[in-house]
Amino acid sequence: MQPATILIDGECRLCARASHFGMRHGVPGKLKFLAYQSDEGAGMLRRHGLEAIAGETMVAVVGEKAYVRSAAVVQVAKRLKWPWRAQAVVWLVPRPLRDAGYNWVAKRRKRFGLRRG
């Protein structure tokens, strides 16, 4: 399995908590987390034509392919140690439903008090 670089909003507490979870429970060498705001993160967004969605969604870059929203979450789950890897079964849910759930949380993260600032 190829390593994945996960691009997150560096100002989002929920994103930071999720990345810390991924670092603790990920398969060594399979997950790297970068903030959109970093030079490297911004460059990856540009290379994949995703600058317009920075701050709206998590992006997982695997090889030359970029995954967004719930598809990015699935890419992270696939690279976690067992039993956390079992979360990847969410890919069985149709993508529109997965993305609707992802978008619901993403739009409310400020209300949940999970965004810095």
PDB file of N, CA and C in Angstrom:
ATOM      1  N   MET A   1       0.850  -1.183   0.000  1.00  0.00           N
ATOM      2  CA  MET A   1       0.000   0.000   0.000  1.00  0.00           C
ATOM      3  C   MET A   1       0.890   1.238   0.000  1.00  0.00           C
ATOM      4  N   GLN A   2       0.577   2.152  -0.897  1.00  0.00           N
ATOM      5  CA  GLN A   2       1.356   3.390  -0.996  1.00  0.00           C
ATOM      6  C   GLN A   2       1.102   4.298   0.206  1.00  0.00           C
ATOM      7  N   PRO A   3       2.098   5.074   0.598  1.00  0.00           N
ATOM      8  CA  PRO A   3       1.879   6.072   1.651  1.00  0.00           C
ATOM      9  C   PRO A   3       0.921   7.159   1.163  1.00  0.00           C
ATOM     10  N   ALA A   4       0.269   7.822   2.099  1.00  0.00           N
ATOM     11  CA  ALA A   4      -0.641   8.920   1.782  1.00  0.00           C
ATOM     12  C   ALA A   4      -0.189  10.175   2.509  1.00  0.00           C
ATOM     13  N   THR A   5      -0.260  11.299   1.806  1.00  0.00           N
ATOM     14  CA  THR A   5      -0.032  12.602   2.426  1.00  0.00           C
ATOM     15  C   THR A   5      -1.408  13.223   2.615  1.00  0.00           C
ATOM     16  N   ILE A   6      -1.714  13.595   3.838  1.00  0.00           N
ATOM     17  CA  ILE A   6      -3.020  14.129   4.188  1.00  0.00           C
ATOM     18  C   ILE A   6      -2.878  15.628   4.414  1.00  0.00           C
ATOM     19  N   LEU A   7      -3.627  16.401   3.633  1.00  0.00           N
ATOM     20  CA  LEU A   7      -3.599  17.861   3.742  1.00  0.00           C
ATOM     21  C   LEU A   7      -4.796  18.308   4.566  1.00  0.00           C
ATOM     22  N   ILE A   8      -4.505  19.064   5.630  1.00  0.00           N
ATOM     23  CA  ILE A   8      -5.556  19.505   6.548  1.00  0.00           C
ATOM     24  C   ILE A   8      -5.460  21.012   6.764  1.00  0.00           C
ATOM     25  N   ASP A   9      -6.522  21.571   7.305  1.00  0.00           N
ATOM     26  CA  ASP A   9      -6.540  22.981   7.699  1.00  0.00           C
ATOM     27  C   ASP A   9      -5.745  23.098   8.993  1.00  0.00           C
ATOM     28  N   GLY A  10      -4.611  23.760   8.933  1.00  0.00           N
ATOM     29  CA  GLY A  10      -3.738  23.892  10.092  1.00  0.00           C
ATOM     30  C   GLY A  10      -4.311  24.744  11.203  1.00  0.00           C
ATOM     31  N   GLU A  11      -5.440  25.412  10.970  1.00  0.00           N
ATOM     32  CA  GLU A  11      -6.068  26.247  11.988  1.00  0.00           C
ATOM     33  C   GLU A  11      -7.270  25.565  12.627  1.00  0.00           C
ATOM     34  N   CYS A  12      -7.561  24.346  12.224  1.00  0.00           N
ATOM     35  CA  CYS A  12      -8.746  23.618  12.689  1.00  0.00           C
ATOM     36  C   CYS A  12      -8.361  22.634  13.784  1.00  0.00           C
ATOM     37  N   ARG A  13      -8.966  22.782  14.947  1.00  0.00           N
ATOM     38  CA  ARG A  13      -8.658  21.882  16.064  1.00  0.00           C
ATOM     39  C   ARG A  13      -9.126  20.460  15.777  1.00  0.00           C
ATOM     40  N   LEU A  14     -10.268  20.310  15.120  1.00  0.00           N
ATOM     41  CA  LEU A  14     -10.747  18.971  14.779  1.00  0.00           C
ATOM     42  C   LEU A  14      -9.743  18.290  13.844  1.00  0.00           C
ATOM     43  N   CYS A  15      -9.234  19.027  12.873  1.00  0.00           N
ATOM     44  CA  CYS A  15      -8.228  18.482  11.950  1.00  0.00           C
ATOM     45  C   CYS A  15      -6.959  18.094  12.701  1.00  0.00           C
ATOM     46  N   ALA A  16      -6.531  18.940  13.627  1.00  0.00           N
ATOM     47  CA  ALA A  16      -5.327  18.655  14.408  1.00  0.00           C
ATOM     48  C   ALA A  16      -5.515  17.407  15.251  1.00  0.00           C
ATOM     49  N   ARG A  17      -6.679  17.282  15.877  1.00  0.00           N
ATOM     50  CA  ARG A  17      -6.945  16.090  16.690  1.00  0.00           C
ATOM     51  C   ARG A  17      -6.965  14.835  15.815  1.00  0.00           C
ATOM     52  N   ALA A  18      -7.586  14.938  14.654  1.00  0.00           N
ATOM     53  CA  ALA A  18      -7.641  13.785  13.747  1.00  0.00           C
ATOM     54  C   ALA A  18      -6.240  13.403  13.266  1.00  0.00           C
ATOM     55  N   SER A  19      -5.405  14.398  12.989  1.00  0.00           N
ATOM     56  CA  SER A  19      -4.049  14.082  12.528  1.00  0.00           C
ATOM     57  C   SER A  19      -3.225  13.454  13.654  1.00  0.00           C
ATOM     58  N   HIS A  20      -3.407  13.914  14.884  1.00  0.00           N
ATOM     59  CA  HIS A  20      -2.707  13.302  16.008  1.00  0.00           C
ATOM     60  C   HIS A  20      -3.153  11.853  16.199  1.00  0.00           C
ATOM     61  N   PHE A  21      -4.437  11.607  16.036  1.00  0.00           N
ATOM     62  CA  PHE A  21      -4.948  10.241  16.113  1.00  0.00           C
ATOM     63  C   PHE A  21      -4.294   9.385  15.029  1.00  0.00           C
ATOM     64  N   GLY A  22      -4.247   9.914  13.814  1.00  0.00           N
ATOM     65  CA  GLY A  22      -3.628   9.190  12.700  1.00  0.00           C
ATOM     66  C   GLY A  22      -2.157   8.897  12.943  1.00  0.00           C
ATOM     67  N   MET A  23      -1.449   9.844  13.524  1.00  0.00           N
ATOM     68  CA  MET A  23      -0.025   9.629  13.805  1.00  0.00           C
ATOM     69  C   MET A  23       0.171   8.560  14.881  1.00  0.00           C
ATOM     70  N   ARG A  24      -0.723   8.545  15.884  1.00  0.00           N
ATOM     71  CA  ARG A  24      -0.613   7.552  16.965  1.00  0.00           C
ATOM     72  C   ARG A  24      -0.999   6.149  16.507  1.00  0.00           C
ATOM     73  N   HIS A  25      -2.022   6.066  15.653  1.00  0.00           N
ATOM     74  CA  HIS A  25      -2.595   4.768  15.303  1.00  0.00           C
ATOM     75  C   HIS A  25      -2.337   4.342  13.865  1.00  0.00           C
ATOM     76  N   GLY A  26      -1.553   5.109  13.140  1.00  0.00           N
ATOM     77  CA  GLY A  26      -1.271   4.778  11.749  1.00  0.00           C
ATOM     78  C   GLY A  26      -0.169   3.742  11.607  1.00  0.00           C
ATOM     79  N   VAL A  27      -0.186   3.058  10.472  1.00  0.00           N
ATOM     80  CA  VAL A  27       0.891   2.132  10.137  1.00  0.00           C
ATOM     81  C   VAL A  27       2.132   2.988   9.869  1.00  0.00           C
ATOM     82  N   PRO A  28       3.250   2.701  10.529  1.00  0.00           N
ATOM     83  CA  PRO A  28       4.461   3.524  10.353  1.00  0.00           C
ATOM     84  C   PRO A  28       4.829   3.705   8.875  1.00  0.00           C
ATOM     85  N   GLY A  29       5.098   4.965   8.516  1.00  0.00           N
ATOM     86  CA  GLY A  29       5.522   5.294   7.164  1.00  0.00           C
ATOM     87  C   GLY A  29       4.411   5.379   6.144  1.00  0.00           C
ATOM     88  N   LYS A  30       3.149   5.210   6.567  1.00  0.00           N
ATOM     89  CA  LYS A  30       2.033   5.215   5.611  1.00  0.00           C
ATOM     90  C   LYS A  30       1.193   6.483   5.638  1.00  0.00           C
ATOM     91  N   LEU A  31       1.356   7.321   6.662  1.00  0.00           N
ATOM     92  CA  LEU A  31       0.587   8.569   6.758  1.00  0.00           C
ATOM     93  C   LEU A  31       1.511   9.739   7.075  1.00  0.00           C
ATOM     94  N   LYS A  32       1.338  10.798   6.320  1.00  0.00           N
ATOM     95  CA  LYS A  32       2.049  12.055   6.580  1.00  0.00           C
ATOM     96  C   LYS A  32       0.995  13.152   6.561  1.00  0.00           C
ATOM     97  N   PHE A  33       1.017  14.023   7.542  1.00  0.00           N
ATOM     98  CA  PHE A  33       0.037  15.097   7.637  1.00  0.00           C
ATOM     99  C   PHE A  33       0.711  16.434   7.391  1.00  0.00           C
ATOM    100  N   LEU A  34       0.098  17.260   6.554  1.00  0.00           N
ATOM    101  CA  LEU A  34       0.593  18.610   6.257  1.00  0.00           C
ATOM    102  C   LEU A  34      -0.563  19.595   6.325  1.00  0.00           C
ATOM    103  N   ALA A  35      -0.265  20.802   6.756  1.00  0.00           N
ATOM    104  CA  ALA A  35      -1.270  21.868   6.737  1.00  0.00           C
ATOM    105  C   ALA A  35      -1.327  22.484   5.340  1.00  0.00           C
ATOM    106  N   TYR A  36      -2.528  22.866   4.935  1.00  0.00           N
ATOM    107  CA  TYR A  36      -2.683  23.600   3.670  1.00  0.00           C
ATOM    108  C   TYR A  36      -1.803  24.836   3.662  1.00  0.00           C
ATOM    109  N   GLN A  37      -1.658  25.433   4.858  1.00  0.00           N
ATOM    110  CA  GLN A  37      -0.951  26.700   4.979  1.00  0.00           C
ATOM    111  C   GLN A  37       0.562  26.557   4.817  1.00  0.00           C
ATOM    112  N   SER A  38       1.084  25.346   4.868  1.00  0.00           N
ATOM    113  CA  SER A  38       2.522  25.156   4.695  1.00  0.00           C
ATOM    114  C   SER A  38       2.883  25.286   3.215  1.00  0.00           C
ATOM    115  N   ASP A  39       4.137  25.603   2.941  1.00  0.00           N
ATOM    116  CA  ASP A  39       4.584  25.712   1.542  1.00  0.00           C
ATOM    117  C   ASP A  39       4.377  24.398   0.800  1.00  0.00           C
ATOM    118  N   GLU A  40       4.758  23.300   1.438  1.00  0.00           N
ATOM    119  CA  GLU A  40       4.623  21.987   0.797  1.00  0.00           C
ATOM    120  C   GLU A  40       3.150  21.630   0.569  1.00  0.00           C
ATOM    121  N   GLY A  41       2.313  21.886   1.568  1.00  0.00           N
ATOM    122  CA  GLY A  41       0.880  21.608   1.436  1.00  0.00           C
ATOM    123  C   GLY A  41       0.237  22.433   0.338  1.00  0.00           C
ATOM    124  N   ALA A  42       0.549  23.733   0.306  1.00  0.00           N
ATOM    125  CA  ALA A  42      -0.003  24.617  -0.730  1.00  0.00           C
ATOM    126  C   ALA A  42       0.458  24.170  -2.117  1.00  0.00           C
ATOM    127  N   GLY A  43       1.706  23.736  -2.211  1.00  0.00           N
ATOM    128  CA  GLY A  43       2.224  23.251  -3.494  1.00  0.00           C
ATOM    129  C   GLY A  43       1.500  22.005  -3.964  1.00  0.00           C
ATOM    130  N   MET A  44       1.194  21.103  -3.039  1.00  0.00           N
ATOM    131  CA  MET A  44       0.462  19.890  -3.420  1.00  0.00           C
ATOM    132  C   MET A  44      -0.950  20.235  -3.882  1.00  0.00           C
ATOM    133  N   LEU A  45      -1.591  21.171  -3.203  1.00  0.00           N
ATOM    134  CA  LEU A  45      -2.932  21.599  -3.633  1.00  0.00           C
ATOM    135  C   LEU A  45      -2.869  22.171  -5.052  1.00  0.00           C
ATOM    136  N   ARG A  46      -1.867  23.008  -5.316  1.00  0.00           N
ATOM    137  CA  ARG A  46      -1.712  23.592  -6.658  1.00  0.00           C
ATOM    138  C   ARG A  46      -1.511  22.515  -7.722  1.00  0.00           C
ATOM    139  N   ARG A  47      -0.635  21.563  -7.441  1.00  0.00           N
ATOM    140  CA  ARG A  47      -0.348  20.498  -8.412  1.00  0.00           C
ATOM    141  C   ARG A  47      -1.590  19.692  -8.767  1.00  0.00           C
ATOM    142  N   HIS A  48      -2.520  19.602  -7.835  1.00  0.00           N
ATOM    143  CA  HIS A  48      -3.735  18.819  -8.073  1.00  0.00           C
ATOM    144  C   HIS A  48      -4.936  19.703  -8.417  1.00  0.00           C
ATOM    145  N   GLY A  49      -4.697  21.009  -8.558  1.00  0.00           N
ATOM    146  CA  GLY A  49      -5.784  21.923  -8.927  1.00  0.00           C
ATOM    147  C   GLY A  49      -6.848  22.060  -7.860  1.00  0.00           C
ATOM    148  N   LEU A  50      -6.450  21.979  -6.599  1.00  0.00           N
ATOM    149  CA  LEU A  50      -7.417  21.997  -5.499  1.00  0.00           C
ATOM    150  C   LEU A  50      -7.311  23.213  -4.595  1.00  0.00           C
ATOM    151  N   GLU A  51      -6.637  24.264  -5.049  1.00  0.00           N
ATOM    152  CA  GLU A  51      -6.476  25.457  -4.190  1.00  0.00           C
ATOM    153  C   GLU A  51      -7.820  26.028  -3.756  1.00  0.00           C
ATOM    154  N   ALA A  52      -8.823  25.948  -4.617  1.00  0.00           N
ATOM    155  CA  ALA A  52     -10.124  26.559  -4.332  1.00  0.00           C
ATOM    156  C   ALA A  52     -10.843  25.897  -3.158  1.00  0.00           C
ATOM    157  N   ILE A  53     -10.513  24.658  -2.847  1.00  0.00           N
ATOM    158  CA  ILE A  53     -11.222  23.988  -1.753  1.00  0.00           C
ATOM    159  C   ILE A  53     -10.413  23.925  -0.458  1.00  0.00           C
ATOM    160  N   ALA A  54      -9.258  24.567  -0.442  1.00  0.00           N
ATOM    161  CA  ALA A  54      -8.443  24.587   0.778  1.00  0.00           C
ATOM    162  C   ALA A  54      -9.275  25.145   1.928  1.00  0.00           C
ATOM    163  N   GLY A  55      -9.251  24.473   3.041  1.00  0.00           N
ATOM    164  CA  GLY A  55     -10.008  24.908   4.208  1.00  0.00           C
ATOM    165  C   GLY A  55     -11.412  24.350   4.254  1.00  0.00           C
ATOM    166  N   GLU A  56     -11.880  23.759   3.156  1.00  0.00           N
ATOM    167  CA  GLU A  56     -13.227  23.191   3.121  1.00  0.00           C
ATOM    168  C   GLU A  56     -13.237  21.689   3.346  1.00  0.00           C
ATOM    169  N   THR A  57     -12.141  21.031   3.019  1.00  0.00           N
ATOM    170  CA  THR A  57     -12.116  19.577   3.093  1.00  0.00           C
ATOM    171  C   THR A  57     -10.699  19.063   3.322  1.00  0.00           C
ATOM    172  N   MET A  58     -10.627  17.863   3.826  1.00  0.00           N
ATOM    173  CA  MET A  58      -9.358  17.170   3.928  1.00  0.00           C
ATOM    174  C   MET A  58      -9.046  16.598   2.546  1.00  0.00           C
ATOM    175  N   VAL A  59      -7.757  16.551   2.209  1.00  0.00           N
ATOM    176  CA  VAL A  59      -7.316  15.996   0.932  1.00  0.00           C
ATOM    177  C   VAL A  59      -6.278  14.915   1.239  1.00  0.00           C
ATOM    178  N   ALA A  60      -6.439  13.760   0.620  1.00  0.00           N
ATOM    179  CA  ALA A  60      -5.446  12.683   0.737  1.00  0.00           C
ATOM    180  C   ALA A  60      -4.799  12.514  -0.626  1.00  0.00           C
ATOM    181  N   VAL A  61      -3.482  12.628  -0.670  1.00  0.00           N
ATOM    182  CA  VAL A  61      -2.738  12.437  -1.919  1.00  0.00           C
ATOM    183  C   VAL A  61      -2.009  11.105  -1.816  1.00  0.00           C
ATOM    184  N   VAL A  62      -2.341  10.226  -2.746  1.00  0.00           N
ATOM    185  CA  VAL A  62      -1.740   8.893  -2.807  1.00  0.00           C
ATOM    186  C   VAL A  62      -1.158   8.746  -4.203  1.00  0.00           C
ATOM    187  N   GLY A  63       0.162   8.697  -4.288  1.00  0.00           N
ATOM    188  CA  GLY A  63       0.800   8.678  -5.607  1.00  0.00           C
ATOM    189  C   GLY A  63       0.469   9.969  -6.336  1.00  0.00           C
ATOM    190  N   GLU A  64      -0.132   9.858  -7.487  1.00  0.00           N
ATOM    191  CA  GLU A  64      -0.517  11.034  -8.280  1.00  0.00           C
ATOM    192  C   GLU A  64      -1.998  11.352  -8.169  1.00  0.00           C
ATOM    193  N   LYS A  65      -2.734  10.627  -7.337  1.00  0.00           N
ATOM    194  CA  LYS A  65      -4.176  10.816  -7.217  1.00  0.00           C
ATOM    195  C   LYS A  65      -4.527  11.535  -5.920  1.00  0.00           C
ATOM    196  N   ALA A  66      -5.492  12.438  -6.005  1.00  0.00           N
ATOM    197  CA  ALA A  66      -5.963  13.170  -4.831  1.00  0.00           C
ATOM    198  C   ALA A  66      -7.399  12.764  -4.522  1.00  0.00           C
ATOM    199  N   TYR A  67      -7.668  12.546  -3.248  1.00  0.00           N
ATOM    200  CA  TYR A  67      -9.000  12.187  -2.764  1.00  0.00           C
ATOM    201  C   TYR A  67      -9.482  13.298  -1.840  1.00  0.00           C
ATOM    202  N   VAL A  68     -10.764  13.628  -1.902  1.00  0.00           N
ATOM    203  CA  VAL A  68     -11.319  14.684  -1.056  1.00  0.00           C
ATOM    204  C   VAL A  68     -12.508  14.147  -0.263  1.00  0.00           C
ATOM    205  N   ARG A  69     -12.883  14.916   0.757  1.00  0.00           N
ATOM    206  CA  ARG A  69     -14.010  14.632   1.628  1.00  0.00           C
ATOM    207  C   ARG A  69     -13.943  13.210   2.180  1.00  0.00           C
ATOM    208  N   SER A  70     -15.046  12.475   2.088  1.00  0.00           N
ATOM    209  CA  SER A  70     -15.091  11.147   2.703  1.00  0.00           C
ATOM    210  C   SER A  70     -14.125  10.169   2.046  1.00  0.00           C
ATOM    211  N   ALA A  71     -13.806  10.366   0.781  1.00  0.00           N
ATOM    212  CA  ALA A  71     -12.833   9.486   0.120  1.00  0.00           C
ATOM    213  C   ALA A  71     -11.453   9.649   0.761  1.00  0.00           C
ATOM    214  N   ALA A  72     -11.140  10.860   1.220  1.00  0.00           N
ATOM    215  CA  ALA A  72      -9.873  11.091   1.928  1.00  0.00           C
ATOM    216  C   ALA A  72      -9.896  10.389   3.281  1.00  0.00           C
ATOM    217  N   VAL A  73     -11.028  10.420   3.954  1.00  0.00           N
ATOM    218  CA  VAL A  73     -11.158   9.740   5.247  1.00  0.00           C
ATOM    219  C   VAL A  73     -10.929   8.238   5.070  1.00  0.00           C
ATOM    220  N   VAL A  74     -11.475   7.671   4.007  1.00  0.00           N
ATOM    221  CA  VAL A  74     -11.285   6.242   3.731  1.00  0.00           C
ATOM    222  C   VAL A  74      -9.800   5.940   3.518  1.00  0.00           C
ATOM    223  N   GLN A  75      -9.102   6.826   2.808  1.00  0.00           N
ATOM    224  CA  GLN A  75      -7.665   6.621   2.574  1.00  0.00           C
ATOM    225  C   GLN A  75      -6.881   6.635   3.890  1.00  0.00           C
ATOM    226  N   VAL A  76      -7.282   7.479   4.816  1.00  0.00           N
ATOM    227  CA  VAL A  76      -6.636   7.498   6.132  1.00  0.00           C
ATOM    228  C   VAL A  76      -6.950   6.191   6.864  1.00  0.00           C
ATOM    229  N   ALA A  77      -8.214   5.809   6.903  1.00  0.00           N
ATOM    230  CA  ALA A  77      -8.623   4.606   7.633  1.00  0.00           C
ATOM    231  C   ALA A  77      -7.896   3.364   7.132  1.00  0.00           C
ATOM    232  N   LYS A  78      -7.669   3.277   5.826  1.00  0.00           N
ATOM    233  CA  LYS A  78      -6.969   2.125   5.255  1.00  0.00           C
ATOM    234  C   LYS A  78      -5.527   2.019   5.741  1.00  0.00           C
ATOM    235  N   ARG A  79      -4.978   3.106   6.248  1.00  0.00           N
ATOM    236  CA  ARG A  79      -3.582   3.135   6.675  1.00  0.00           C
ATOM    237  C   ARG A  79      -3.429   3.136   8.196  1.00  0.00           C
ATOM    238  N   LEU A  80      -4.509   2.855   8.902  1.00  0.00           N
ATOM    239  CA  LEU A  80      -4.456   2.754  10.356  1.00  0.00           C
ATOM    240  C   LEU A  80      -4.198   1.306  10.764  1.00  0.00           C
ATOM    241  N   LYS A  81      -3.663   1.145  11.972  1.00  0.00           N
ATOM    242  CA  LYS A  81      -3.473  -0.187  12.537  1.00  0.00           C
ATOM    243  C   LYS A  81      -4.834  -0.764  12.932  1.00  0.00           C
ATOM    244  N   TRP A  82      -4.868  -2.093  13.044  1.00  0.00           N
ATOM    245  CA  TRP A  82      -6.068  -2.758  13.499  1.00  0.00           C
ATOM    246  C   TRP A  82      -6.278  -2.438  14.980  1.00  0.00           C
ATOM    247  N   PRO A  83      -7.460  -2.197  15.501  1.00  0.00           N
ATOM    248  CA  PRO A  83      -8.774  -2.352  14.892  1.00  0.00           C
ATOM    249  C   PRO A  83      -9.291  -1.105  14.190  1.00  0.00           C
ATOM    250  N   TRP A  84      -8.530  -0.013  14.251  1.00  0.00           N
ATOM    251  CA  TRP A  84      -8.985   1.250  13.664  1.00  0.00           C
ATOM    252  C   TRP A  84      -9.175   1.139  12.159  1.00  0.00           C
ATOM    253  N   ARG A  85      -8.420   0.270  11.522  1.00  0.00           N
ATOM    254  CA  ARG A  85      -8.527   0.083  10.073  1.00  0.00           C
ATOM    255  C   ARG A  85      -9.930  -0.365   9.665  1.00  0.00           C
ATOM    256  N   ALA A  86     -10.644  -0.992  10.563  1.00  0.00           N
ATOM    257  CA  ALA A  86     -12.001  -1.461  10.262  1.00  0.00           C
ATOM    258  C   ALA A  86     -12.917  -0.316   9.841  1.00  0.00           C
ATOM    259  N   GLN A  87     -12.574   0.901  10.216  1.00  0.00           N
ATOM    260  CA  GLN A  87     -13.382   2.057   9.812  1.00  0.00           C
ATOM    261  C   GLN A  87     -13.437   2.238   8.302  1.00  0.00           C
ATOM    262  N   ALA A  88     -12.481   1.652   7.596  1.00  0.00           N
ATOM    263  CA  ALA A  88     -12.452   1.779   6.139  1.00  0.00           C
ATOM    264  C   ALA A  88     -13.677   1.143   5.495  1.00  0.00           C
ATOM    265  N   VAL A  89     -14.414   0.342   6.247  1.00  0.00           N
ATOM    266  CA  VAL A  89     -15.624  -0.285   5.710  1.00  0.00           C
ATOM    267  C   VAL A  89     -16.661   0.775   5.301  1.00  0.00           C
ATOM    268  N   VAL A  90     -16.464   1.995   5.751  1.00  0.00           N
ATOM    269  CA  VAL A  90     -17.382   3.083   5.381  1.00  0.00           C
ATOM    270  C   VAL A  90     -17.426   3.282   3.863  1.00  0.00           C
ATOM    271  N   TRP A  91     -16.424   2.776   3.133  1.00  0.00           N
ATOM    272  CA  TRP A  91     -16.437   2.910   1.676  1.00  0.00           C
ATOM    273  C   TRP A  91     -17.626   2.180   1.068  1.00  0.00           C
ATOM    274  N   LEU A  92     -18.254   1.251   1.816  1.00  0.00           N
ATOM    275  CA  LEU A  92     -19.441   0.542   1.319  1.00  0.00           C
ATOM    276  C   LEU A  92     -20.663   1.446   1.241  1.00  0.00           C
ATOM    277  N   VAL A  93     -20.641   2.520   2.021  1.00  0.00           N
ATOM    278  CA  VAL A  93     -21.736   3.499   1.993  1.00  0.00           C
ATOM    279  C   VAL A  93     -21.585   4.310   0.708  1.00  0.00           C
ATOM    280  N   PRO A  94     -22.688   4.532  -0.024  1.00  0.00           N
ATOM    281  CA  PRO A  94     -22.575   5.334  -1.249  1.00  0.00           C
ATOM    282  C   PRO A  94     -21.935   6.698  -0.979  1.00  0.00           C
ATOM    283  N   ARG A  95     -21.054   7.089  -1.877  1.00  0.00           N
ATOM    284  CA  ARG A  95     -20.285   8.322  -1.684  1.00  0.00           C
ATOM    285  C   ARG A  95     -21.146   9.556  -1.394  1.00  0.00           C
ATOM    286  N   PRO A  96     -22.267   9.762  -2.088  1.00  0.00           N
ATOM    287  CA  PRO A  96     -23.076  10.950  -1.752  1.00  0.00           C
ATOM    288  C   PRO A  96     -23.514  10.978  -0.283  1.00  0.00           C
ATOM    289  N   LEU A  97     -23.835   9.823   0.278  1.00  0.00           N
ATOM    290  CA  LEU A  97     -24.219   9.781   1.698  1.00  0.00           C
ATOM    291  C   LEU A  97     -23.016  10.026   2.600  1.00  0.00           C
ATOM    292  N   ARG A  98     -21.877   9.405   2.272  1.00  0.00           N
ATOM    293  CA  ARG A  98     -20.653   9.636   3.060  1.00  0.00           C
ATOM    294  C   ARG A  98     -20.288  11.107   3.039  1.00  0.00           C
ATOM    295  N   ASP A  99     -20.299  11.703   1.826  1.00  0.00           N
ATOM    296  CA  ASP A  99     -19.923  13.118   1.705  1.00  0.00           C
ATOM    297  C   ASP A  99     -20.905  14.026   2.430  1.00  0.00           C
ATOM    298  N   ALA A 100     -22.187  13.658   2.442  1.00  0.00           N
ATOM    299  CA  ALA A 100     -23.170  14.459   3.173  1.00  0.00           C
ATOM    300  C   ALA A 100     -22.828  14.473   4.667  1.00  0.00           C
ATOM    301  N   GLY A 101     -22.460  13.328   5.212  1.00  0.00           N
ATOM    302  CA  GLY A 101     -22.046  13.262   6.616  1.00  0.00           C
ATOM    303  C   GLY A 101     -20.781  14.059   6.868  1.00  0.00           C
ATOM    304  N   TYR A 102     -19.814  13.919   5.967  1.00  0.00           N
ATOM    305  CA  TYR A 102     -18.558  14.667   6.081  1.00  0.00           C
ATOM    306  C   TYR A 102     -18.847  16.169   6.062  1.00  0.00           C
ATOM    307  N   ASN A 103     -19.653  16.609   5.106  1.00  0.00           N
ATOM    308  CA  ASN A 103     -19.968  18.042   4.974  1.00  0.00           C
ATOM    309  C   ASN A 103     -20.715  18.567   6.190  1.00  0.00           C
ATOM    310  N   TRP A 104     -21.591  17.750   6.774  1.00  0.00           N
ATOM    311  CA  TRP A 104     -22.344  18.169   7.952  1.00  0.00           C
ATOM    312  C   TRP A 104     -21.377  18.515   9.092  1.00  0.00           C
ATOM    313  N   VAL A 105     -20.410  17.641   9.336  1.00  0.00           N
ATOM    314  CA  VAL A 105     -19.422  17.890  10.395  1.00  0.00           C
ATOM    315  C   VAL A 105     -18.545  19.088  10.025  1.00  0.00           C
ATOM    316  N   ALA A 106     -18.073  19.142   8.789  1.00  0.00           N
ATOM    317  CA  ALA A 106     -17.163  20.216   8.366  1.00  0.00           C
ATOM    318  C   ALA A 106     -17.802  21.596   8.518  1.00  0.00           C
ATOM    319  N   LYS A 107     -19.077  21.708   8.200  1.00  0.00           N
ATOM    320  CA  LYS A 107     -19.754  23.008   8.288  1.00  0.00           C
ATOM    321  C   LYS A 107     -20.013  23.434   9.735  1.00  0.00           C
ATOM    322  N   ARG A 108     -20.024  22.491  10.654  1.00  0.00           N
ATOM    323  CA  ARG A 108     -20.369  22.795  12.040  1.00  0.00           C
ATOM    324  C   ARG A 108     -19.174  22.798  12.986  1.00  0.00           C
ATOM    325  N   ARG A 109     -17.989  22.624  12.469  1.00  0.00           N
ATOM    326  CA  ARG A 109     -16.834  22.529  13.361  1.00  0.00           C
ATOM    327  C   ARG A 109     -16.633  23.796  14.178  1.00  0.00           C
ATOM    328  N   LYS A 110     -16.986  24.960  13.640  1.00  0.00           N
ATOM    329  CA  LYS A 110     -16.874  26.207  14.423  1.00  0.00           C
ATOM    330  C   LYS A 110     -17.882  26.192  15.572  1.00  0.00           C
ATOM    331  N   ARG A 111     -19.101  25.763  15.266  1.00  0.00           N
ATOM    332  CA  ARG A 111     -20.140  25.710  16.279  1.00  0.00           C
ATOM    333  C   ARG A 111     -19.780  24.768  17.409  1.00  0.00           C
ATOM    334  N   PHE A 112     -19.082  23.688  17.059  1.00  0.00           N
ATOM    335  CA  PHE A 112     -18.649  22.728  18.062  1.00  0.00           C
ATOM    336  C   PHE A 112     -17.484  23.269  18.892  1.00  0.00           C
ATOM    337  N   GLY A 113     -17.004  24.466  18.543  1.00  0.00           N
ATOM    338  CA  GLY A 113     -15.887  25.049  19.269  1.00  0.00           C
ATOM    339  C   GLY A 113     -14.575  24.377  18.948  1.00  0.00           C
ATOM    340  N   LEU A 114     -14.502  23.764  17.768  1.00  0.00           N
ATOM    341  CA  LEU A 114     -13.311  23.017  17.404  1.00  0.00           C
ATOM    342  C   LEU A 114     -12.368  23.782  16.495  1.00  0.00           C
ATOM    343  N   ARG A 115     -12.698  25.001  16.169  1.00  0.00           N
ATOM    344  CA  ARG A 115     -11.831  25.804  15.311  1.00  0.00           C
ATOM    345  C   ARG A 115     -11.131  26.851  16.161  1.00  0.00           C
ATOM    346  N   ARG A 116      -9.844  26.980  15.951  1.00  0.00           N
ATOM    347  CA  ARG A 116      -9.074  27.999  16.686  1.00  0.00           C
ATOM    348  C   ARG A 116      -9.470  29.384  16.235  1.00  0.00           C
ATOM    349  N   GLY A 117      -9.245  30.339  17.136  1.00  0.00           N
ATOM    350  CA  GLY A 117      -9.404  31.729  16.736  1.00  0.00           C
ATOM    351  C   GLY A 117     -10.693  32.341  16.980  1.00  0.00           C
TER     352      GLY A 117
END
